[in-house]
Amino acid sequence: QVQLVESGGGLVQAGGSLRLSCAASGRAFGNYARGWFRQAPGKEREFVSAINWSASSTSYADSVKGRFTISRNNAKNTVYLQMNSLKPEDTAVYYCAADYYGLGSERTNDYEYWGQGTQVTVSS
């Protein structure tokens, strides 16, 4: 019943932009921290960005800082990841997650709800 569904992935050239969305259903996620993680082929899932439950703080992995922006719209029960200046090394499956009253952890184990992921492929 509780679902997080990512969308907005696709194929883009290096230097291009994509906007990922993660729509939640089954309950309101206004009191949950929301995070974005990614997993490239042959690599472990890694932190990308997070926004805390109150939207008072955001955090970013060093590899995406200055290029990606996380935001949320609680009225739409949705979190977004604006991805600019994309690089081939950004190619991965991107997952959104939710953590009840979370502060925006960078650890995968701190999130109790996960989406199925959306593929982002950046060509050179």
C-alpha atoms as a PDB file:
ATOM      1  CA  GLN A   1       0.000   0.000   0.000  1.00  0.00           C
ATOM      2  CA  VAL A   2       2.822   2.396   0.861  1.00  0.00           C
ATOM      3  CA  GLN A   3       4.701   3.185  -2.324  1.00  0.00           C
ATOM      4  CA  LEU A   4       7.476   5.468  -3.476  1.00  0.00           C
ATOM      5  CA  VAL A   5       7.668   5.729  -7.253  1.00  0.00           C
ATOM      6  CA  GLU A   6      10.533   7.460  -9.017  1.00  0.00           C
ATOM      7  CA  SER A   7      10.170   9.015 -12.445  1.00  0.00           C
ATOM      8  CA  GLY A   8      12.057  11.333 -14.756  1.00  0.00           C
ATOM      9  CA  GLY A   9      15.043   9.183 -15.566  1.00  0.00           C
ATOM     10  CA  GLY A  10      16.288   8.630 -19.070  1.00  0.00           C
ATOM     11  CA  LEU A  11      19.143   9.092 -21.492  1.00  0.00           C
ATOM     12  CA  VAL A  12      20.851  12.465 -21.622  1.00  0.00           C
ATOM     13  CA  GLN A  13      24.083  13.827 -23.042  1.00  0.00           C
ATOM     14  CA  ALA A  14      26.885  14.991 -20.793  1.00  0.00           C
ATOM     15  CA  GLY A  15      26.218  18.540 -19.660  1.00  0.00           C
ATOM     16  CA  GLY A  16      22.483  18.082 -19.859  1.00  0.00           C
ATOM     17  CA  SER A  17      19.836  18.111 -17.169  1.00  0.00           C
ATOM     18  CA  LEU A  18      17.152  15.858 -15.761  1.00  0.00           C
ATOM     19  CA  ARG A  19      14.581  16.359 -13.035  1.00  0.00           C
ATOM     20  CA  LEU A  20      13.740  13.267 -11.016  1.00  0.00           C
ATOM     21  CA  SER A  21      10.525  12.997  -9.048  1.00  0.00           C
ATOM     22  CA  CYS A  22       9.511  10.592  -6.323  1.00  0.00           C
ATOM     23  CA  ALA A  23       5.795  10.448  -5.621  1.00  0.00           C
ATOM     24  CA  ALA A  24       4.632   8.769  -2.435  1.00  0.00           C
ATOM     25  CA  SER A  25       1.273   7.157  -1.793  1.00  0.00           C
ATOM     26  CA  GLY A  26      -0.376   5.241   1.020  1.00  0.00           C
ATOM     27  CA  ARG A  27       0.474   7.796   3.702  1.00  0.00           C
ATOM     28  CA  ALA A  28       1.636  11.366   4.089  1.00  0.00           C
ATOM     29  CA  PHE A  29       5.412  11.753   4.159  1.00  0.00           C
ATOM     30  CA  GLY A  30       5.550  15.322   5.415  1.00  0.00           C
ATOM     31  CA  ASN A  31       7.214  14.186   8.650  1.00  0.00           C
ATOM     32  CA  TYR A  32       9.828  12.067   6.888  1.00  0.00           C
ATOM     33  CA  ALA A  33      13.285  12.939   5.749  1.00  0.00           C
ATOM     34  CA  ARG A  34      13.658  12.193   2.065  1.00  0.00           C
ATOM     35  CA  GLY A  35      16.803  10.955   0.405  1.00  0.00           C
ATOM     36  CA  TRP A  36      18.185  10.135  -3.013  1.00  0.00           C
ATOM     37  CA  PHE A  37      20.682   7.335  -3.521  1.00  0.00           C
ATOM     38  CA  ARG A  38      22.168   5.791  -6.630  1.00  0.00           C
ATOM     39  CA  GLN A  39      23.771   2.550  -7.660  1.00  0.00           C
ATOM     40  CA  ALA A  40      26.001   2.189 -10.696  1.00  0.00           C
ATOM     41  CA  PRO A  41      26.816  -1.177 -12.291  1.00  0.00           C
ATOM     42  CA  GLY A  42      29.270  -3.119 -10.164  1.00  0.00           C
ATOM     43  CA  LYS A  43      29.211  -0.554  -7.348  1.00  0.00           C
ATOM     44  CA  GLU A  44      27.517  -0.233  -3.981  1.00  0.00           C
ATOM     45  CA  ARG A  45      24.533   2.006  -3.453  1.00  0.00           C
ATOM     46  CA  GLU A  46      25.750   5.477  -2.523  1.00  0.00           C
ATOM     47  CA  PHE A  47      24.283   8.613  -1.030  1.00  0.00           C
ATOM     48  CA  VAL A  48      23.407  11.460  -3.371  1.00  0.00           C
ATOM     49  CA  SER A  49      21.286  13.969  -1.477  1.00  0.00           C
ATOM     50  CA  ALA A  50      18.825  14.313   1.392  1.00  0.00           C
ATOM     51  CA  ILE A  51      16.377  16.800   2.850  1.00  0.00           C
ATOM     52  CA  ASN A  52      15.322  16.599   6.477  1.00  0.00           C
ATOM     53  CA  TRP A  53      11.763  16.107   7.672  1.00  0.00           C
ATOM     54  CA  SER A  54      11.115  19.818   8.187  1.00  0.00           C
ATOM     55  CA  ALA A  55      12.887  20.851   4.961  1.00  0.00           C
ATOM     56  CA  SER A  56      15.140  23.080   7.062  1.00  0.00           C
ATOM     57  CA  SER A  57      18.358  21.503   5.808  1.00  0.00           C
ATOM     58  CA  THR A  58      19.734  19.696   2.794  1.00  0.00           C
ATOM     59  CA  SER A  59      22.868  17.705   2.184  1.00  0.00           C
ATOM     60  CA  TYR A  60      24.754  16.529  -0.885  1.00  0.00           C
ATOM     61  CA  ALA A  61      27.496  14.117  -1.739  1.00  0.00           C
ATOM     62  CA  ASP A  62      30.683  15.916  -2.707  1.00  0.00           C
ATOM     63  CA  SER A  63      30.455  14.422  -6.183  1.00  0.00           C
ATOM     64  CA  VAL A  64      27.163  16.213  -6.933  1.00  0.00           C
ATOM     65  CA  LYS A  65      27.465  19.375  -4.846  1.00  0.00           C
ATOM     66  CA  GLY A  66      26.800  22.454  -6.931  1.00  0.00           C
ATOM     67  CA  ARG A  67      25.145  20.442  -9.693  1.00  0.00           C
ATOM     68  CA  PHE A  68      22.162  18.741  -8.023  1.00  0.00           C
ATOM     69  CA  THR A  69      19.376  20.305  -5.970  1.00  0.00           C
ATOM     70  CA  ILE A  70      16.912  18.456  -3.764  1.00  0.00           C
ATOM     71  CA  SER A  71      13.504  19.884  -2.916  1.00  0.00           C
ATOM     72  CA  ARG A  72      10.153  18.696  -1.655  1.00  0.00           C
ATOM     73  CA  ASN A  73       6.498  19.560  -2.027  1.00  0.00           C
ATOM     74  CA  ASN A  74       4.580  18.089   0.879  1.00  0.00           C
ATOM     75  CA  ALA A  75       1.224  19.059  -0.632  1.00  0.00           C
ATOM     76  CA  LYS A  76       2.069  16.725  -3.506  1.00  0.00           C
ATOM     77  CA  ASN A  77       3.820  14.186  -1.256  1.00  0.00           C
ATOM     78  CA  THR A  78       6.735  14.391  -3.661  1.00  0.00           C
ATOM     79  CA  VAL A  79      10.479  14.940  -3.502  1.00  0.00           C
ATOM     80  CA  TYR A  80      12.541  16.119  -6.465  1.00  0.00           C
ATOM     81  CA  LEU A  81      16.135  15.974  -7.579  1.00  0.00           C
ATOM     82  CA  GLN A  82      17.154  18.562 -10.142  1.00  0.00           C
ATOM     83  CA  MET A  83      20.270  17.264 -11.873  1.00  0.00           C
ATOM     84  CA  ASN A  84      22.317  19.736 -13.908  1.00  0.00           C
ATOM     85  CA  SER A  85      25.671  19.508 -15.657  1.00  0.00           C
ATOM     86  CA  LEU A  86      25.367  15.750 -15.791  1.00  0.00           C
ATOM     87  CA  LYS A  87      28.479  13.648 -16.218  1.00  0.00           C
ATOM     88  CA  PRO A  88      28.891  10.079 -17.480  1.00  0.00           C
ATOM     89  CA  GLU A  89      29.851   9.039 -13.948  1.00  0.00           C
ATOM     90  CA  ASP A  90      26.350  10.047 -12.830  1.00  0.00           C
ATOM     91  CA  THR A  91      25.002   7.048 -14.746  1.00  0.00           C
ATOM     92  CA  ALA A  92      23.174   4.838 -12.254  1.00  0.00           C
ATOM     93  CA  VAL A  93      19.819   3.672 -11.023  1.00  0.00           C
ATOM     94  CA  TYR A  94      18.503   6.423  -8.754  1.00  0.00           C
ATOM     95  CA  TYR A  95      16.405   5.502  -5.725  1.00  0.00           C
ATOM     96  CA  CYS A  96      14.370   7.683  -3.424  1.00  0.00           C
ATOM     97  CA  ALA A  97      13.846   6.844   0.231  1.00  0.00           C
ATOM     98  CA  ALA A  98      11.999   8.067   3.323  1.00  0.00           C
ATOM     99  CA  ASP A  99      12.954   8.140   7.019  1.00  0.00           C
ATOM    100  CA  TYR A 100      10.389   8.990   9.705  1.00  0.00           C
ATOM    101  CA  TYR A 101      11.410  12.281  11.399  1.00  0.00           C
ATOM    102  CA  GLY A 102      14.837  11.808   9.911  1.00  0.00           C
ATOM    103  CA  LEU A 103      17.482  14.503   9.806  1.00  0.00           C
ATOM    104  CA  GLY A 104      18.703  13.596   6.343  1.00  0.00           C
ATOM    105  CA  SER A 105      21.075  10.712   6.932  1.00  0.00           C
ATOM    106  CA  GLU A 106      23.638   9.616   4.367  1.00  0.00           C
ATOM    107  CA  ARG A 107      23.291   5.974   5.469  1.00  0.00           C
ATOM    108  CA  THR A 108      21.033   3.620   3.521  1.00  0.00           C
ATOM    109  CA  ASN A 109      20.087   1.672   6.655  1.00  0.00           C
ATOM    110  CA  ASP A 110      18.454   4.742   8.211  1.00  0.00           C
ATOM    111  CA  TYR A 111      15.681   4.793   5.611  1.00  0.00           C
ATOM    112  CA  GLU A 112      12.691   2.518   6.020  1.00  0.00           C
ATOM    113  CA  TYR A 113      10.916   3.095   2.697  1.00  0.00           C
ATOM    114  CA  TRP A 114      12.408   2.807  -0.765  1.00  0.00           C
ATOM    115  CA  GLY A 115      11.270   3.184  -4.336  1.00  0.00           C
ATOM    116  CA  GLN A 116      12.076   0.812  -7.170  1.00  0.00           C
ATOM    117  CA  GLY A 117      14.494   3.162  -8.876  1.00  0.00           C
ATOM    118  CA  THR A 118      14.742   4.989 -12.165  1.00  0.00           C
ATOM    119  CA  GLN A 119      17.580   4.629 -14.653  1.00  0.00           C
ATOM    120  CA  VAL A 120      19.700   7.661 -15.496  1.00  0.00           C
ATOM    121  CA  THR A 121      22.174   7.236 -18.330  1.00  0.00           C
ATOM    122  CA  VAL A 122      24.561  10.033 -19.268  1.00  0.00           C
ATOM    123  CA  SER A 123      26.357   9.623 -22.569  1.00  0.00           C
ATOM    124  CA  SER A 124      29.640  11.257 -23.495  1.00  0.00           C
END
